Amino acid sequence: LSVEGDSNLYIGRIARLSPTITAQNRLLIVEAE
């Protein structure tokens, strides 16, 4: 990942996934550390 105003590239890992896909916008919520 990268953020605005920072040229560095940061590395993380997927830690948690939502068990469902949101019905409103058809998206899966994930969290990375």
PDB file of all heavy atoms in Angstrom:
ATOM      1  N   LEU A   1       0.830  -1.210   0.000  1.00  0.00           N
ATOM      2  CA  LEU A   1       0.000   0.000   0.000  1.00  0.00           C
ATOM      3  C   LEU A   1       0.854   1.246   0.000  1.00  0.00           C
ATOM      4  O   LEU A   1       2.027   1.233   0.391  1.00  0.00           O
ATOM      5  CB  LEU A   1      -0.949   0.008   1.202  1.00  0.00           C
ATOM      6  CG  LEU A   1      -0.352   0.117   2.604  1.00  0.00           C
ATOM      7  CD1 LEU A   1      -0.333   1.572   3.045  1.00  0.00           C
ATOM      8  CD2 LEU A   1      -1.153  -0.695   3.589  1.00  0.00           C
ATOM      9  N   SER A   2       0.242   2.317  -0.438  1.00  0.00           N
ATOM     10  CA  SER A   2       0.868   3.645  -0.424  1.00  0.00           C
ATOM     11  C   SER A   2      -0.177   4.662   0.005  1.00  0.00           C
ATOM     12  O   SER A   2      -1.381   4.429  -0.130  1.00  0.00           O
ATOM     13  CB  SER A   2       1.424   3.999  -1.814  1.00  0.00           C
ATOM     14  OG  SER A   2       0.371   4.008  -2.771  1.00  0.00           O
ATOM     15  N   VAL A   3       0.305   5.781   0.523  1.00  0.00           N
ATOM     16  CA  VAL A   3      -0.584   6.849   0.974  1.00  0.00           C
ATOM     17  C   VAL A   3      -0.188   8.141   0.291  1.00  0.00           C
ATOM     18  O   VAL A   3       0.930   8.281  -0.224  1.00  0.00           O
ATOM     19  CB  VAL A   3      -0.534   7.004   2.513  1.00  0.00           C
ATOM     20  CG1 VAL A   3      -1.051   5.759   3.198  1.00  0.00           C
ATOM     21  CG2 VAL A   3       0.880   7.326   2.987  1.00  0.00           C
ATOM     22  N   GLU A   4      -1.099   9.089   0.295  1.00  0.00           N
ATOM     23  CA  GLU A   4      -0.861  10.376  -0.355  1.00  0.00           C
ATOM     24  C   GLU A   4       0.308  11.096   0.313  1.00  0.00           C
ATOM     25  O   GLU A   4       0.421  11.134   1.542  1.00  0.00           O
ATOM     26  CB  GLU A   4      -2.115  11.249  -0.266  1.00  0.00           C
ATOM     27  CG  GLU A   4      -3.321  10.704  -1.025  1.00  0.00           C
ATOM     28  CD  GLU A   4      -3.125  10.744  -2.527  1.00  0.00           C
ATOM     29  OE1 GLU A   4      -2.292  11.550  -2.987  1.00  0.00           O
ATOM     30  OE2 GLU A   4      -3.788   9.964  -3.229  1.00  0.00           O
ATOM     31  N   GLY A   5       1.174  11.664  -0.528  1.00  0.00           N
ATOM     32  CA  GLY A   5       2.280  12.462  -0.017  1.00  0.00           C
ATOM     33  C   GLY A   5       3.441  11.655   0.525  1.00  0.00           C
ATOM     34  O   GLY A   5       4.359  12.223   1.120  1.00  0.00           O
ATOM     35  N   ASP A   6       3.432  10.334   0.344  1.00  0.00           N
ATOM     36  CA  ASP A   6       4.504   9.480   0.845  1.00  0.00           C
ATOM     37  C   ASP A   6       4.901   8.530  -0.274  1.00  0.00           C
ATOM     38  O   ASP A   6       4.080   7.761  -0.775  1.00  0.00           O
ATOM     39  CB  ASP A   6       4.030   8.695   2.073  1.00  0.00           C
ATOM     40  CG  ASP A   6       5.163   7.942   2.761  1.00  0.00           C
ATOM     41  OD1 ASP A   6       6.247   7.813   2.155  1.00  0.00           O
ATOM     42  OD2 ASP A   6       4.965   7.484   3.905  1.00  0.00           O
ATOM     43  N   SER A   7       6.161   8.576  -0.670  1.00  0.00           N
ATOM     44  CA  SER A   7       6.629   7.751  -1.773  1.00  0.00           C
ATOM     45  C   SER A   7       6.977   6.333  -1.348  1.00  0.00           C
ATOM     46  O   SER A   7       7.271   5.485  -2.193  1.00  0.00           O
ATOM     47  CB  SER A   7       7.863   8.402  -2.421  1.00  0.00           C
ATOM     48  OG  SER A   7       8.912   8.535  -1.458  1.00  0.00           O
ATOM     49  N   ASN A   8       6.964   6.070  -0.054  1.00  0.00           N
ATOM     50  CA  ASN A   8       7.313   4.730   0.437  1.00  0.00           C
ATOM     51  C   ASN A   8       6.214   3.728   0.120  1.00  0.00           C
ATOM     52  O   ASN A   8       5.031   4.077   0.076  1.00  0.00           O
ATOM     53  CB  ASN A   8       7.567   4.758   1.944  1.00  0.00           C
ATOM     54  CG  ASN A   8       8.796   5.568   2.298  1.00  0.00           C
ATOM     55  OD1 ASN A   8       9.782   5.563   1.567  1.00  0.00           O
ATOM     56  ND2 ASN A   8       8.744   6.269   3.416  1.00  0.00           N
ATOM     57  N   LEU A   9       6.625   2.472  -0.051  1.00  0.00           N
ATOM     58  CA  LEU A   9       5.691   1.372  -0.234  1.00  0.00           C
ATOM     59  C   LEU A   9       5.689   0.541   1.039  1.00  0.00           C
ATOM     60  O   LEU A   9       6.735   0.113   1.518  1.00  0.00           O
ATOM     61  CB  LEU A   9       6.111   0.504  -1.430  1.00  0.00           C
ATOM     62  CG  LEU A   9       5.154  -0.620  -1.819  1.00  0.00           C
ATOM     63  CD1 LEU A   9       3.853  -0.042  -2.356  1.00  0.00           C
ATOM     64  CD2 LEU A   9       5.803  -1.531  -2.856  1.00  0.00           C
ATOM     65  N   TYR A  10       4.511   0.317   1.613  1.00  0.00           N
ATOM     66  CA  TYR A  10       4.394  -0.382   2.887  1.00  0.00           C
ATOM     67  C   TYR A  10       3.802  -1.771   2.645  1.00  0.00           C
ATOM     68  O   TYR A  10       2.929  -1.952   1.795  1.00  0.00           O
ATOM     69  CB  TYR A  10       3.504   0.407   3.849  1.00  0.00           C
ATOM     70  CG  TYR A  10       4.085   1.756   4.201  1.00  0.00           C
ATOM     71  CD1 TYR A  10       3.772   2.881   3.440  1.00  0.00           C
ATOM     72  CD2 TYR A  10       4.947   1.900   5.276  1.00  0.00           C
ATOM     73  CE1 TYR A  10       4.306   4.118   3.747  1.00  0.00           C
ATOM     74  CE2 TYR A  10       5.491   3.141   5.595  1.00  0.00           C
ATOM     75  CZ  TYR A  10       5.169   4.242   4.830  1.00  0.00           C
ATOM     76  OH  TYR A  10       5.693   5.462   5.138  1.00  0.00           O
ATOM     77  N   ILE A  11       4.295  -2.720   3.408  1.00  0.00           N
ATOM     78  CA  ILE A  11       3.896  -4.117   3.244  1.00  0.00           C
ATOM     79  C   ILE A  11       3.069  -4.557   4.449  1.00  0.00           C
ATOM     80  O   ILE A  11       3.406  -4.250   5.597  1.00  0.00           O
ATOM     81  CB  ILE A  11       5.124  -5.037   3.099  1.00  0.00           C
ATOM     82  CG1 ILE A  11       6.017  -4.550   1.951  1.00  0.00           C
ATOM     83  CG2 ILE A  11       4.688  -6.474   2.863  1.00  0.00           C
ATOM     84  CD1 ILE A  11       5.351  -4.543   0.609  1.00  0.00           C
ATOM     85  N   GLY A  12       1.978  -5.258   4.179  1.00  0.00           N
ATOM     86  CA  GLY A  12       1.140  -5.794   5.246  1.00  0.00           C
ATOM     87  C   GLY A  12       0.619  -7.172   4.863  1.00  0.00           C
ATOM     88  O   GLY A  12       0.992  -7.731   3.830  1.00  0.00           O
ATOM     89  N   ARG A  13      -0.255  -7.716   5.721  1.00  0.00           N
ATOM     90  CA  ARG A  13      -0.857  -9.021   5.482  1.00  0.00           C
ATOM     91  C   ARG A  13      -2.346  -8.956   5.788  1.00  0.00           C
ATOM     92  O   ARG A  13      -2.758  -8.284   6.742  1.00  0.00           O
ATOM     93  CB  ARG A  13      -0.219 -10.084   6.372  1.00  0.00           C
ATOM     94  CG  ARG A  13       1.243 -10.363   6.086  1.00  0.00           C
ATOM     95  CD  ARG A  13       1.402 -11.294   4.911  1.00  0.00           C
ATOM     96  NE  ARG A  13       2.823 -11.482   4.569  1.00  0.00           N
ATOM     97  CZ  ARG A  13       3.242 -12.193   3.530  1.00  0.00           C
ATOM     98  NH1 ARG A  13       2.351 -12.796   2.756  1.00  0.00           N
ATOM     99  NH2 ARG A  13       4.515 -12.306   3.252  1.00  0.00           N
ATOM    100  N   ILE A  14      -3.148  -9.654   4.985  1.00  0.00           N
ATOM    101  CA  ILE A  14      -4.570  -9.768   5.275  1.00  0.00           C
ATOM    102  C   ILE A  14      -4.725 -10.534   6.594  1.00  0.00           C
ATOM    103  O   ILE A  14      -4.238 -11.647   6.738  1.00  0.00           O
ATOM    104  CB  ILE A  14      -5.323 -10.484   4.147  1.00  0.00           C
ATOM    105  CG1 ILE A  14      -5.255  -9.660   2.853  1.00  0.00           C
ATOM    106  CG2 ILE A  14      -6.782 -10.714   4.538  1.00  0.00           C
ATOM    107  CD1 ILE A  14      -6.002  -8.356   2.904  1.00  0.00           C
ATOM    108  N   ALA A  15      -5.403  -9.912   7.563  1.00  0.00           N
ATOM    109  CA  ALA A  15      -5.564 -10.531   8.886  1.00  0.00           C
ATOM    110  C   ALA A  15      -6.998 -10.976   9.139  1.00  0.00           C
ATOM    111  O   ALA A  15      -7.221 -11.988   9.804  1.00  0.00           O
ATOM    112  CB  ALA A  15      -5.119  -9.562   9.977  1.00  0.00           C
ATOM    113  N   ARG A  16      -7.960 -10.238   8.628  1.00  0.00           N
ATOM    114  CA  ARG A  16      -9.362 -10.545   8.915  1.00  0.00           C
ATOM    115  C   ARG A  16     -10.217 -10.288   7.681  1.00  0.00           C
ATOM    116  O   ARG A  16      -9.954  -9.343   6.929  1.00  0.00           O
ATOM    117  CB  ARG A  16      -9.865  -9.678  10.082  1.00  0.00           C
ATOM    118  CG  ARG A  16      -9.283 -10.064  11.431  1.00  0.00           C
ATOM    119  CD  ARG A  16      -9.496  -8.968  12.462  1.00  0.00           C
ATOM    120  NE  ARG A  16      -8.698  -7.791  12.161  1.00  0.00           N
ATOM    121  CZ  ARG A  16      -7.437  -7.646  12.545  1.00  0.00           C
ATOM    122  NH1 ARG A  16      -6.833  -8.602  13.225  1.00  0.00           N
ATOM    123  NH2 ARG A  16      -6.757  -6.557  12.260  1.00  0.00           N
ATOM    124  N   LEU A  17     -11.237 -11.133   7.494  1.00  0.00           N
ATOM    125  CA  LEU A  17     -12.189 -10.971   6.403  1.00  0.00           C
ATOM    126  C   LEU A  17     -13.594 -11.024   6.977  1.00  0.00           C
ATOM    127  O   LEU A  17     -13.884 -11.816   7.871  1.00  0.00           O
ATOM    128  CB  LEU A  17     -12.037 -12.068   5.340  1.00  0.00           C
ATOM    129  CG  LEU A  17     -10.753 -12.128   4.520  1.00  0.00           C
ATOM    130  CD1 LEU A  17      -9.687 -12.934   5.222  1.00  0.00           C
ATOM    131  CD2 LEU A  17     -11.046 -12.721   3.142  1.00  0.00           C
ATOM    132  N   SER A  18     -14.469 -10.190   6.435  1.00  0.00           N
ATOM    133  CA  SER A  18     -15.868 -10.246   6.841  1.00  0.00           C
ATOM    134  C   SER A  18     -16.475 -11.559   6.346  1.00  0.00           C
ATOM    135  O   SER A  18     -16.151 -12.024   5.241  1.00  0.00           O
ATOM    136  CB  SER A  18     -16.634  -9.065   6.253  1.00  0.00           C
ATOM    137  OG  SER A  18     -18.027  -9.210   6.476  1.00  0.00           O
ATOM    138  N   PRO A  19     -17.349 -12.169   7.132  1.00  0.00           N
ATOM    139  CA  PRO A  19     -17.964 -13.425   6.678  1.00  0.00           C
ATOM    140  C   PRO A  19     -19.030 -13.221   5.608  1.00  0.00           C
ATOM    141  O   PRO A  19     -19.487 -14.198   5.010  1.00  0.00           O
ATOM    142  CB  PRO A  19     -18.580 -13.978   7.965  1.00  0.00           C
ATOM    143  CG  PRO A  19     -18.857 -12.769   8.804  1.00  0.00           C
ATOM    144  CD  PRO A  19     -17.750 -11.804   8.497  1.00  0.00           C
ATOM    145  N   THR A  20     -19.426 -11.974   5.378  1.00  0.00           N
ATOM    146  CA  THR A  20     -20.502 -11.713   4.418  1.00  0.00           C
ATOM    147  C   THR A  20     -20.087 -10.618   3.446  1.00  0.00           C
ATOM    148  O   THR A  20     -19.139  -9.862   3.691  1.00  0.00           O
ATOM    149  CB  THR A  20     -21.792 -11.271   5.141  1.00  0.00           C
ATOM    150  OG1 THR A  20     -21.533 -10.050   5.858  1.00  0.00           O
ATOM    151  CG2 THR A  20     -22.266 -12.340   6.114  1.00  0.00           C
ATOM    152  N   ILE A  21     -20.806 -10.541   2.347  1.00  0.00           N
ATOM    153  CA  ILE A  21     -20.673  -9.446   1.389  1.00  0.00           C
ATOM    154  C   ILE A  21     -21.843  -8.499   1.604  1.00  0.00           C
ATOM    155  O   ILE A  21     -22.994  -8.925   1.691  1.00  0.00           O
ATOM    156  CB  ILE A  21     -20.666  -9.987  -0.051  1.00  0.00           C
ATOM    157  CG1 ILE A  21     -19.373 -10.787  -0.291  1.00  0.00           C
ATOM    158  CG2 ILE A  21     -20.791  -8.851  -1.065  1.00  0.00           C
ATOM    159  CD1 ILE A  21     -19.282 -11.418  -1.650  1.00  0.00           C
ATOM    160  N   THR A  22     -21.550  -7.215   1.721  1.00  0.00           N
ATOM    161  CA  THR A  22     -22.600  -6.244   2.016  1.00  0.00           C
ATOM    162  C   THR A  22     -23.619  -6.219   0.886  1.00  0.00           C
ATOM    163  O   THR A  22     -23.264  -6.162  -0.296  1.00  0.00           O
ATOM    164  CB  THR A  22     -22.004  -4.841   2.203  1.00  0.00           C
ATOM    165  OG1 THR A  22     -21.262  -4.479   1.043  1.00  0.00           O
ATOM    166  CG2 THR A  22     -21.072  -4.819   3.416  1.00  0.00           C
ATOM    167  N   ALA A  23     -24.891  -6.268   1.258  1.00  0.00           N
ATOM    168  CA  ALA A  23     -25.954  -6.321   0.251  1.00  0.00           C
ATOM    169  C   ALA A  23     -26.130  -4.984  -0.457  1.00  0.00           C
ATOM    170  O   ALA A  23     -26.578  -4.940  -1.603  1.00  0.00           O
ATOM    171  CB  ALA A  23     -27.271  -6.742   0.918  1.00  0.00           C
ATOM    172  N   GLN A  24     -25.791  -3.869   0.208  1.00  0.00           N
ATOM    173  CA  GLN A  24     -26.028  -2.556  -0.389  1.00  0.00           C
ATOM    174  C   GLN A  24     -25.118  -2.291  -1.582  1.00  0.00           C
ATOM    175  O   GLN A  24     -25.560  -1.807  -2.624  1.00  0.00           O
ATOM    176  CB  GLN A  24     -25.833  -1.445   0.654  1.00  0.00           C
ATOM    177  CG  GLN A  24     -26.832  -1.467   1.799  1.00  0.00           C
ATOM    178  CD  GLN A  24     -26.430  -2.442   2.887  1.00  0.00           C
ATOM    179  OE1 GLN A  24     -25.430  -3.149   2.766  1.00  0.00           O
ATOM    180  NE2 GLN A  24     -27.216  -2.489   3.945  1.00  0.00           N
ATOM    181  N   ASN A  25     -23.810  -2.599  -1.436  1.00  0.00           N
ATOM    182  CA  ASN A  25     -22.880  -2.259  -2.512  1.00  0.00           C
ATOM    183  C   ASN A  25     -22.058  -3.442  -3.011  1.00  0.00           C
ATOM    184  O   ASN A  25     -21.125  -3.263  -3.791  1.00  0.00           O
ATOM    185  CB  ASN A  25     -21.933  -1.140  -2.061  1.00  0.00           C
ATOM    186  CG  ASN A  25     -21.385  -1.403  -0.667  1.00  0.00           C
ATOM    187  OD1 ASN A  25     -21.383  -2.550  -0.199  1.00  0.00           O
ATOM    188  ND2 ASN A  25     -20.912  -0.360  -0.008  1.00  0.00           N
ATOM    189  N   ARG A  26     -22.364  -4.667  -2.529  1.00  0.00           N
ATOM    190  CA  ARG A  26     -21.715  -5.883  -3.026  1.00  0.00           C
ATOM    191  C   ARG A  26     -20.194  -5.814  -2.842  1.00  0.00           C
ATOM    192  O   ARG A  26     -19.421  -6.014  -3.772  1.00  0.00           O
ATOM    193  CB  ARG A  26     -22.046  -6.115  -4.498  1.00  0.00           C
ATOM    194  CG  ARG A  26     -23.521  -6.179  -4.798  1.00  0.00           C
ATOM    195  CD  ARG A  26     -24.180  -7.329  -4.067  1.00  0.00           C
ATOM    196  NE  ARG A  26     -25.628  -7.364  -4.285  1.00  0.00           N
ATOM    197  CZ  ARG A  26     -26.460  -8.193  -3.695  1.00  0.00           C
ATOM    198  NH1 ARG A  26     -25.994  -9.066  -2.810  1.00  0.00           N
ATOM    199  NH2 ARG A  26     -27.746  -8.152  -3.947  1.00  0.00           N
ATOM    200  N   LEU A  27     -19.786  -5.523  -1.609  1.00  0.00           N
ATOM    201  CA  LEU A  27     -18.360  -5.419  -1.308  1.00  0.00           C
ATOM    202  C   LEU A  27     -18.014  -6.332  -0.142  1.00  0.00           C
ATOM    203  O   LEU A  27     -18.829  -6.556   0.755  1.00  0.00           O
ATOM    204  CB  LEU A  27     -17.978  -3.976  -0.960  1.00  0.00           C
ATOM    205  CG  LEU A  27     -18.133  -2.936  -2.067  1.00  0.00           C
ATOM    206  CD1 LEU A  27     -17.877  -1.545  -1.526  1.00  0.00           C
ATOM    207  CD2 LEU A  27     -17.177  -3.236  -3.224  1.00  0.00           C
ATOM    208  N   LEU A  28     -16.791  -6.851  -0.165  1.00  0.00           N
ATOM    209  CA  LEU A  28     -16.256  -7.651   0.934  1.00  0.00           C
ATOM    210  C   LEU A  28     -15.324  -6.775   1.756  1.00  0.00           C
ATOM    211  O   LEU A  28     -14.378  -6.196   1.207  1.00  0.00           O
ATOM    212  CB  LEU A  28     -15.500  -8.869   0.388  1.00  0.00           C
ATOM    213  CG  LEU A  28     -14.756  -9.715   1.430  1.00  0.00           C
ATOM    214  CD1 LEU A  28     -15.741 -10.436   2.343  1.00  0.00           C
ATOM    215  CD2 LEU A  28     -13.817 -10.707   0.740  1.00  0.00           C
ATOM    216  N   ILE A  29     -15.572  -6.677   3.067  1.00  0.00           N
ATOM    217  CA  ILE A  29     -14.729  -5.873   3.951  1.00  0.00           C
ATOM    218  C   ILE A  29     -13.574  -6.748   4.439  1.00  0.00           C
ATOM    219  O   ILE A  29     -13.784  -7.839   4.966  1.00  0.00           O
ATOM    220  CB  ILE A  29     -15.529  -5.348   5.157  1.00  0.00           C
ATOM    221  CG1 ILE A  29     -16.781  -4.594   4.680  1.00  0.00           C
ATOM    222  CG2 ILE A  29     -14.656  -4.445   6.018  1.00  0.00           C
ATOM    223  CD1 ILE A  29     -16.484  -3.404   3.813  1.00  0.00           C
ATOM    224  N   VAL A  30     -12.354  -6.264   4.229  1.00  0.00           N
ATOM    225  CA  VAL A  30     -11.164  -6.983   4.695  1.00  0.00           C
ATOM    226  C   VAL A  30     -10.315  -6.030   5.528  1.00  0.00           C
ATOM    227  O   VAL A  30     -10.383  -4.809   5.372  1.00  0.00           O
ATOM    228  CB  VAL A  30     -10.335  -7.541   3.522  1.00  0.00           C
ATOM    229  CG1 VAL A  30     -11.163  -8.506   2.688  1.00  0.00           C
ATOM    230  CG2 VAL A  30      -9.798  -6.419   2.645  1.00  0.00           C
ATOM    231  N   GLU A  31      -9.523  -6.611   6.416  1.00  0.00           N
ATOM    232  CA  GLU A  31      -8.595  -5.836   7.233  1.00  0.00           C
ATOM    233  C   GLU A  31      -7.206  -6.441   7.125  1.00  0.00           C
ATOM    234  O   GLU A  31      -7.047  -7.663   7.219  1.00  0.00           O
ATOM    235  CB  GLU A  31      -9.021  -5.811   8.702  1.00  0.00           C
ATOM    236  CG  GLU A  31     -10.187  -4.885   8.982  1.00  0.00           C
ATOM    237  CD  GLU A  31     -10.438  -4.708  10.470  1.00  0.00           C
ATOM    238  OE1 GLU A  31      -9.765  -5.402  11.268  1.00  0.00           O
ATOM    239  OE2 GLU A  31     -11.293  -3.885  10.833  1.00  0.00           O
ATOM    240  N   ALA A  32      -6.226  -5.579   6.914  1.00  0.00           N
ATOM    241  CA  ALA A  32      -4.827  -5.999   6.862  1.00  0.00           C
ATOM    242  C   ALA A  32      -4.061  -5.304   7.973  1.00  0.00           C
ATOM    243  O   ALA A  32      -4.390  -4.175   8.356  1.00  0.00           O
ATOM    244  CB  ALA A  32      -4.211  -5.661   5.508  1.00  0.00           C
ATOM    245  N   GLU A  33      -3.056  -5.972   8.502  1.00  0.00           N
ATOM    246  CA  GLU A  33      -2.174  -5.376   9.494  1.00  0.00           C
ATOM    247  C   GLU A  33      -0.911  -4.903   8.797  1.00  0.00           C
ATOM    248  O   GLU A  33      -0.281  -5.669   8.064  1.00  0.00           O
ATOM    249  CB  GLU A  33      -1.846  -6.377  10.600  1.00  0.00           C
ATOM    250  CG  GLU A  33      -3.042  -6.691  11.492  1.00  0.00           C
ATOM    251  CD  GLU A  33      -2.653  -7.502  12.710  1.00  0.00           C
ATOM    252  OE1 GLU A  33      -1.476  -7.916  12.799  1.00  0.00           O
ATOM    253  OE2 GLU A  33      -3.527  -7.725  13.568  1.00  0.00           O
TER     254      GLU A  33
END
